[in-house]
Protein backbone atom coordinates (compact mmCIF):
# COMPACT_ATOMS: atom_id res chain seq x y z
CA UNK A 1 20.45 -10.57 17.77
CA UNK A 2 17.45 -11.96 16.12
CA UNK A 3 17.19 -11.51 12.22
CA UNK A 4 14.66 -8.78 11.23
CA UNK A 5 11.83 -10.34 9.16
CA UNK A 6 11.23 -9.56 5.42
CA UNK A 7 7.52 -8.83 4.51
CA UNK A 8 6.69 -9.88 0.84
CA UNK A 9 3.24 -9.09 -0.81
CA UNK A 10 1.91 -10.91 -3.85
CA UNK A 11 -1.13 -9.52 -5.88
CA UNK A 12 -3.85 -11.30 -7.45
CA UNK A 13 -2.13 -11.80 -10.71
CA UNK A 14 1.06 -13.31 -9.04
CA UNK A 15 -1.06 -15.98 -7.11
CA UNK A 16 -3.83 -16.43 -9.98
CA UNK A 17 -3.39 -20.21 -10.70
CA UNK A 18 -1.98 -23.10 -8.94
CA UNK A 19 1.21 -23.01 -10.98
CA UNK A 20 1.70 -19.45 -9.83
CA UNK A 21 0.99 -20.29 -6.22
CA UNK A 22 3.48 -22.87 -6.46
CA UNK A 23 6.22 -20.41 -8.02
CA UNK A 24 5.43 -17.91 -5.14
CA UNK A 25 5.89 -20.77 -2.62
CA UNK A 26 9.34 -21.68 -4.14
CA UNK A 27 10.27 -17.82 -4.07
CA UNK A 28 9.18 -17.69 -0.49
CA UNK A 29 10.88 -20.80 0.52
CA UNK A 30 14.25 -19.40 -0.87
CA UNK A 31 13.94 -16.27 0.86
CA UNK A 32 12.95 -18.00 4.39
CA UNK A 33 16.58 -19.82 4.21
CA UNK A 34 18.08 -16.30 5.46
CA UNK A 35 15.57 -14.56 7.26
CA UNK A 36 11.98 -14.85 8.86
CA UNK A 37 9.35 -14.22 6.13
CA UNK A 38 5.68 -12.74 6.53
CA UNK A 39 3.82 -13.11 3.23
CA UNK A 40 0.80 -10.89 2.49
CA UNK A 41 -1.52 -12.14 -0.52
CA UNK A 42 -4.38 -10.71 -2.27
CA UNK A 43 -7.15 -13.00 -3.64
CA UNK A 44 -6.59 -15.04 -6.42
CA UNK A 45 -6.74 -13.59 -10.08
CA UNK A 46 -10.29 -12.00 -10.57
CA UNK A 47 -11.97 -13.94 -7.85
CA UNK A 48 -12.85 -10.66 -6.21
CA UNK A 49 -14.82 -9.53 -9.19
CA UNK A 50 -16.64 -12.80 -9.38
CA UNK A 51 -17.60 -12.51 -5.71
CA UNK A 52 -18.94 -8.75 -6.49
CA UNK A 53 -20.79 -10.17 -9.46
CA UNK A 54 -22.65 -13.00 -7.27
CA UNK A 55 -23.47 -10.34 -4.57
CA UNK A 56 -25.02 -8.15 -7.50
CA UNK A 57 -27.20 -10.93 -8.73
CA UNK A 58 -28.63 -11.33 -5.27
CA UNK A 59 -29.24 -7.74 -4.27
CA UNK A 60 -29.02 -4.50 -6.14
CA UNK A 61 -27.66 -2.55 -3.05
CA UNK A 62 -25.84 -5.03 -0.75
CA UNK A 63 -24.97 -3.89 2.59
CA UNK A 64 -21.21 -2.87 2.98
CA UNK A 65 -21.02 -5.14 6.20
CA UNK A 66 -22.11 -8.36 4.04
CA UNK A 67 -19.98 -7.34 1.25
CA UNK A 68 -16.89 -7.12 3.71
CA UNK A 69 -17.95 -10.67 4.88
CA UNK A 70 -18.20 -12.08 1.40
CA UNK A 71 -14.96 -10.22 0.14
CA UNK A 72 -12.73 -11.25 2.83
CA UNK A 73 -13.22 -14.78 1.64
CA UNK A 74 -11.30 -14.29 -1.30
CA UNK A 75 -7.87 -13.89 0.49
CA UNK A 76 -8.58 -16.73 2.84
CA UNK A 77 -8.59 -19.08 -0.10
CA UNK A 78 -5.08 -17.74 -1.36
CA UNK A 79 -3.39 -17.94 2.21
CA UNK A 80 -4.63 -21.46 2.67
CA UNK A 81 -3.41 -22.78 -0.73
CA UNK A 82 -0.12 -20.88 -0.53
CA UNK A 83 0.58 -22.52 2.91
CA UNK A 84 0.02 -25.75 1.68
CA UNK A 85 2.28 -25.18 -1.37
CA UNK A 86 4.91 -24.02 1.26
CA UNK A 87 4.48 -27.09 3.41
CA UNK A 88 4.65 -29.30 0.41
CA UNK A 89 8.19 -27.87 -0.18
CA UNK A 90 9.02 -28.62 3.32
CA UNK A 91 8.85 -25.08 4.45
CA UNK A 92 6.88 -24.69 7.80
CA UNK A 93 4.06 -22.29 7.25
CA UNK A 94 0.68 -21.03 8.75
CA UNK A 95 -2.15 -19.09 7.22
CA UNK A 96 -3.68 -16.37 9.22
CA UNK A 97 -6.66 -13.81 8.69
CA UNK A 98 -6.23 -10.09 9.15
CA UNK A 99 -8.04 -10.57 12.59
CA UNK A 100 -5.95 -13.53 13.61
CA UNK A 101 -2.72 -11.68 12.63
CA UNK A 102 -3.89 -8.62 15.00
CA UNK A 103 -4.91 -5.98 12.42
CA UNK A 104 -7.31 -3.64 14.37
CA UNK A 105 -8.99 -1.09 12.27
CA UNK A 106 -11.89 1.33 12.32
CA UNK A 107 -15.32 0.22 12.62
CA UNK A 108 -15.96 1.48 8.99
CA UNK A 109 -16.98 -1.44 6.59
CA UNK A 110 -15.57 -1.43 2.98
CA UNK A 111 -13.10 1.50 3.64
CA UNK A 112 -11.28 0.98 7.34
CA UNK A 113 -8.12 2.32 8.14
CA UNK A 114 -5.48 0.64 10.31
CA UNK A 115 -5.41 1.74 13.90
CA UNK A 116 -2.94 -0.63 15.48
CA UNK A 117 -1.36 -4.21 14.99
CA UNK A 118 -0.66 -6.48 17.74
CA UNK A 119 2.06 -8.77 16.61
CA UNK A 120 2.21 -11.05 19.63
CA UNK A 121 0.74 -14.14 18.01
CA UNK A 122 2.39 -13.53 14.64
CA UNK A 123 5.94 -13.23 16.33
CA UNK A 124 5.61 -16.52 17.98
CA UNK A 125 4.90 -18.24 14.74
CA UNK A 126 7.96 -16.70 13.33
CA UNK A 127 10.02 -17.52 16.25
CA UNK A 128 9.07 -21.08 15.64
CA UNK A 129 10.36 -21.07 12.23
CA UNK A 130 7.23 -20.72 10.24
CA UNK A 131 6.34 -18.53 7.38
CA UNK A 132 3.32 -16.71 8.37
CA UNK A 133 0.94 -16.32 5.34
CA UNK A 134 -1.48 -13.16 5.90
CA UNK A 135 -4.82 -12.36 4.05
CA UNK A 136 -4.27 -8.60 2.75
CA UNK A 137 -7.02 -6.32 2.46
CA UNK A 138 -8.90 -7.16 5.90
CA UNK A 139 -8.79 -6.63 9.57
CA UNK A 140 -11.18 -6.59 12.77
CA UNK A 141 -12.95 -3.45 14.09
CA UNK A 142 -11.78 -2.26 17.29
CA UNK A 143 -14.53 -2.78 20.00
CA UNK A 144 -16.34 -5.87 21.35
CA UNK A 145 -18.15 -6.91 18.34
CA UNK A 146 -15.33 -8.56 16.54
CA UNK A 147 -16.47 -7.20 13.03
CA UNK A 148 -14.57 -8.05 9.90
CA UNK A 149 -13.65 -5.19 7.85
CA UNK A 150 -11.80 -4.48 4.62
CA UNK A 151 -9.41 -1.90 3.82
CA UNK A 152 -10.78 -0.60 0.53
CA UNK A 153 -8.67 0.20 -2.47
CA UNK A 154 -4.96 -0.57 -2.09
CA UNK A 155 -5.76 -2.80 1.02
CA UNK A 156 -3.20 -5.50 0.55
CA UNK A 157 -0.41 -3.11 -0.03
CA UNK A 158 -1.27 -1.32 2.95
CA UNK A 159 -1.43 -4.32 5.03
CA UNK A 160 1.99 -5.39 3.94
CA UNK A 161 3.60 -1.97 4.63
CA UNK A 162 1.65 -1.79 7.97
CA UNK A 163 2.84 -5.23 9.18
CA UNK A 164 6.33 -4.17 8.10
CA UNK A 165 6.11 -1.25 10.39
CA UNK A 166 4.84 -3.15 13.35
CA UNK A 167 7.42 -5.85 12.94
CA UNK A 168 10.28 -3.48 12.28
CA UNK A 169 10.90 -5.43 9.37
CA UNK A 170 14.14 -5.27 7.27
CA UNK A 171 12.05 -4.31 4.19
CA UNK A 172 9.00 -4.92 2.44
CA UNK A 173 8.76 -6.28 -0.94
CA UNK A 174 6.02 -5.43 -3.33
CA UNK A 175 5.66 -8.23 -6.13
CA UNK A 176 3.61 -7.37 -9.19
CA UNK A 177 3.39 -7.89 -12.94
CA UNK A 178 5.88 -5.00 -13.87
CA UNK A 179 9.57 -4.98 -13.32
CA UNK A 180 9.47 -2.05 -10.84
CA UNK A 181 8.70 1.62 -10.96
CA UNK A 182 8.91 2.99 -14.52
CA UNK A 183 9.26 6.54 -15.87
CA UNK A 184 5.83 6.45 -17.46
CA UNK A 185 3.19 3.94 -18.67
CA UNK A 186 4.82 1.56 -20.88
CA UNK A 187 1.43 0.58 -22.50
CA UNK A 188 1.67 4.25 -24.06
CA UNK A 189 5.32 4.82 -24.05
CA UNK A 190 7.02 1.66 -25.15
CA UNK A 191 10.44 2.83 -24.24
CA UNK A 192 9.72 3.65 -20.57
CA UNK A 193 12.69 3.09 -18.38
CA UNK A 194 12.90 1.28 -15.17
CA UNK A 195 14.15 3.37 -12.19
CA UNK A 196 16.47 1.93 -9.82
CA UNK A 197 15.46 4.17 -6.83
CA UNK A 198 13.00 6.73 -6.03
CA UNK A 199 11.89 8.43 -2.77
CA UNK A 200 8.59 7.91 -0.80
CA UNK A 201 8.06 11.53 -1.69
CA UNK A 202 8.43 11.15 -5.35
CA UNK A 203 6.41 7.75 -5.42
CA UNK A 204 3.62 9.81 -3.64
CA UNK A 205 3.75 12.36 -6.36
CA UNK A 206 3.68 9.63 -9.11
CA UNK A 207 0.92 7.92 -7.46
CA UNK A 208 -1.02 11.28 -7.14
CA UNK A 209 -0.64 11.71 -10.95
CA UNK A 210 -1.97 8.32 -11.88
CA UNK A 211 0.83 5.77 -11.17
CA UNK A 212 -0.92 2.37 -10.06
CA UNK A 213 1.69 0.17 -9.12
CA UNK A 214 1.62 0.79 -5.33
CA UNK A 215 -1.09 2.72 -3.63
CA UNK A 216 -0.49 5.86 -1.84
CA UNK A 217 -1.62 4.79 1.72
CA UNK A 218 0.87 2.03 1.70
CA UNK A 219 3.53 4.73 0.67
CA UNK A 220 2.52 6.99 3.39
CA UNK A 221 3.00 4.37 5.93
CA UNK A 222 6.45 3.62 4.63
CA UNK A 223 7.43 7.23 4.70
CA UNK A 224 5.94 7.85 8.25
CA UNK A 225 7.57 4.77 9.76
CA UNK A 226 10.85 4.38 7.88
CA UNK A 227 9.96 1.38 6.04
CA UNK A 228 12.19 0.41 2.91
CA UNK A 229 10.33 -0.73 -0.11
CA UNK A 230 11.18 -2.89 -3.16
CA UNK A 231 8.83 -2.99 -6.19
CA UNK A 232 9.66 -6.35 -8.03
CA UNK A 233 8.43 -8.63 -10.70
CA UNK A 234 6.93 -11.77 -9.66
CA UNK A 235 8.35 -13.54 -12.88
CA UNK A 236 12.06 -12.79 -12.75
CA UNK A 237 14.84 -12.28 -10.18
CA UNK A 238 15.63 -8.71 -11.11
CA UNK A 239 16.17 -6.32 -8.13
CA UNK A 240 13.56 -3.93 -9.15
CA UNK A 241 12.89 -0.65 -7.93
CA UNK A 242 14.17 0.66 -4.31
CA UNK A 243 11.62 3.10 -2.61
CA UNK A 244 13.82 4.82 0.20
CA UNK A 245 12.16 6.18 3.24
CA UNK A 246 13.50 8.75 5.66
CA UNK A 247 15.17 7.62 8.86
CA UNK A 248 12.47 5.99 11.13
CA UNK A 249 11.10 8.25 13.81
CA UNK A 250 10.33 7.08 17.21
CA UNK A 251 6.53 7.39 16.28
CA UNK A 252 3.83 5.10 18.13
CA UNK A 253 1.96 2.70 16.06
CA UNK A 254 -1.22 3.52 17.81
CA UNK A 255 -3.55 5.16 15.25
CA UNK A 256 -1.20 3.85 12.57
CA UNK A 257 -3.05 5.08 9.54
CA UNK A 258 -4.58 8.11 11.16
CA UNK A 259 -1.06 9.65 11.42
CA UNK A 260 -0.43 12.71 9.54
CA UNK A 261 3.04 13.96 10.61
CA UNK A 262 4.19 17.44 9.95
CA UNK A 263 7.90 17.38 9.90
CA UNK A 264 8.49 21.20 10.04
CA UNK A 265 6.66 24.54 9.92
CA UNK A 266 8.29 27.78 8.45
CA UNK A 267 6.61 31.07 8.41
CA UNK A 268 7.72 33.72 5.81
CA UNK A 269 6.12 36.86 6.84
CA UNK A 270 7.43 38.64 3.55
CA UNK A 271 4.89 36.92 1.32
CA UNK A 272 1.04 37.52 1.15
CA UNK A 273 -1.82 35.72 -0.81
CA UNK A 274 -4.08 37.96 -2.78
CA UNK A 275 -7.09 36.86 -4.56
CA UNK A 276 -8.64 38.63 -7.51
CA UNK A 277 -12.42 37.89 -8.05
CA UNK A 278 -14.76 38.66 -11.13
CA UNK A 279 -11.62 39.22 -13.50
CA UNK A 280 -12.94 39.54 -17.21
CA UNK A 281 -11.87 36.12 -18.96
CA UNK A 282 -10.39 37.84 -22.07
CA UNK A 283 -6.94 38.30 -23.46
CA UNK A 284 -4.80 41.21 -22.03
CA UNK A 285 -6.35 41.32 -18.58
CA UNK A 286 -3.35 39.29 -17.10
CA UNK A 287 -0.79 41.14 -18.71
CA UNK A 288 -2.24 44.48 -17.44
CA UNK A 289 -2.45 42.84 -13.71
CA UNK A 290 1.14 41.53 -13.92
CA UNK A 291 2.51 44.68 -15.45
CA UNK A 292 1.33 46.78 -12.74
CA UNK A 293 2.76 44.19 -10.09
CA UNK A 294 6.00 44.33 -12.08
CA UNK A 295 6.29 48.18 -12.13
CA UNK A 296 5.93 48.40 -8.48
CA UNK A 297 8.85 45.63 -8.10
CA UNK A 298 6.52 42.62 -6.48
CA UNK A 299 7.66 39.41 -7.20
CA UNK A 300 5.01 36.46 -7.85
CA UNK A 301 5.84 33.08 -6.71
CA UNK A 302 2.78 31.01 -7.73
CA UNK A 303 -0.35 31.76 -9.90
CA UNK A 304 -3.47 29.82 -9.63
CA UNK A 305 -6.21 30.39 -12.06
CA UNK A 306 -9.79 29.04 -12.05
CA UNK A 307 -12.74 29.70 -14.42
CA UNK A 308 -16.28 29.19 -13.04
């Protein structure tokens, strides 16, 4: 039985210089000794910001299509250089854009969602013993126009996890400049602790509250398709944080990012929702309301209050 591939994703900081690209290549080559590897990379360092600045010098309101054409070049630089670095180590490698690797998206420039991934070409390269280095953050719109699209915020994370789902990968490793998922922001709380393991649901909750180490879009795909995630530091060999996913369901990959599964629905006919409007905003009013509810032995599960 063929060994399941490993998907590794490296962000812009991790590939921000020649030296860092070479270090990433060494890590990837070591992994490739034991399993097929697909690497997803972002644009080098702050190069995307530099491209945006160039566009703004030309136009105060550049079209989203042309911005996609421009910004997609940043990742193409990274994949070509990383492939060269791997080849210098004696590891066969090939770089591929999002379109070449079969990532098909909505026809929505600058914020496209992934619809499906055709992995035939990618799998042939893996079967030939090559590391496949993929440009994150981009794909090709469905239809006959072959439009380049970008995925928007969190696009490289999303590309990596989507590829892992399509390939039924053993795991998807997200390499970053922090050691893993921490209990809080270490810039604010210096003694923040590294968590060994969290669930996808817990990670989604953390992301909704501001954690930026992993984008919610990527976590949702991992949860929907049972992709095991690992968040690790690019600078050490520490194991990082495992993000556990539910057992994979037999779910079609068509409409990959459009899937919003409902695992279960429960009806409780003994509960009711009551809204009070024009309640005066002064002390004592809430006490009167809930005292009356208590006098009638009515339990309150949830209170939502808004002031307009």
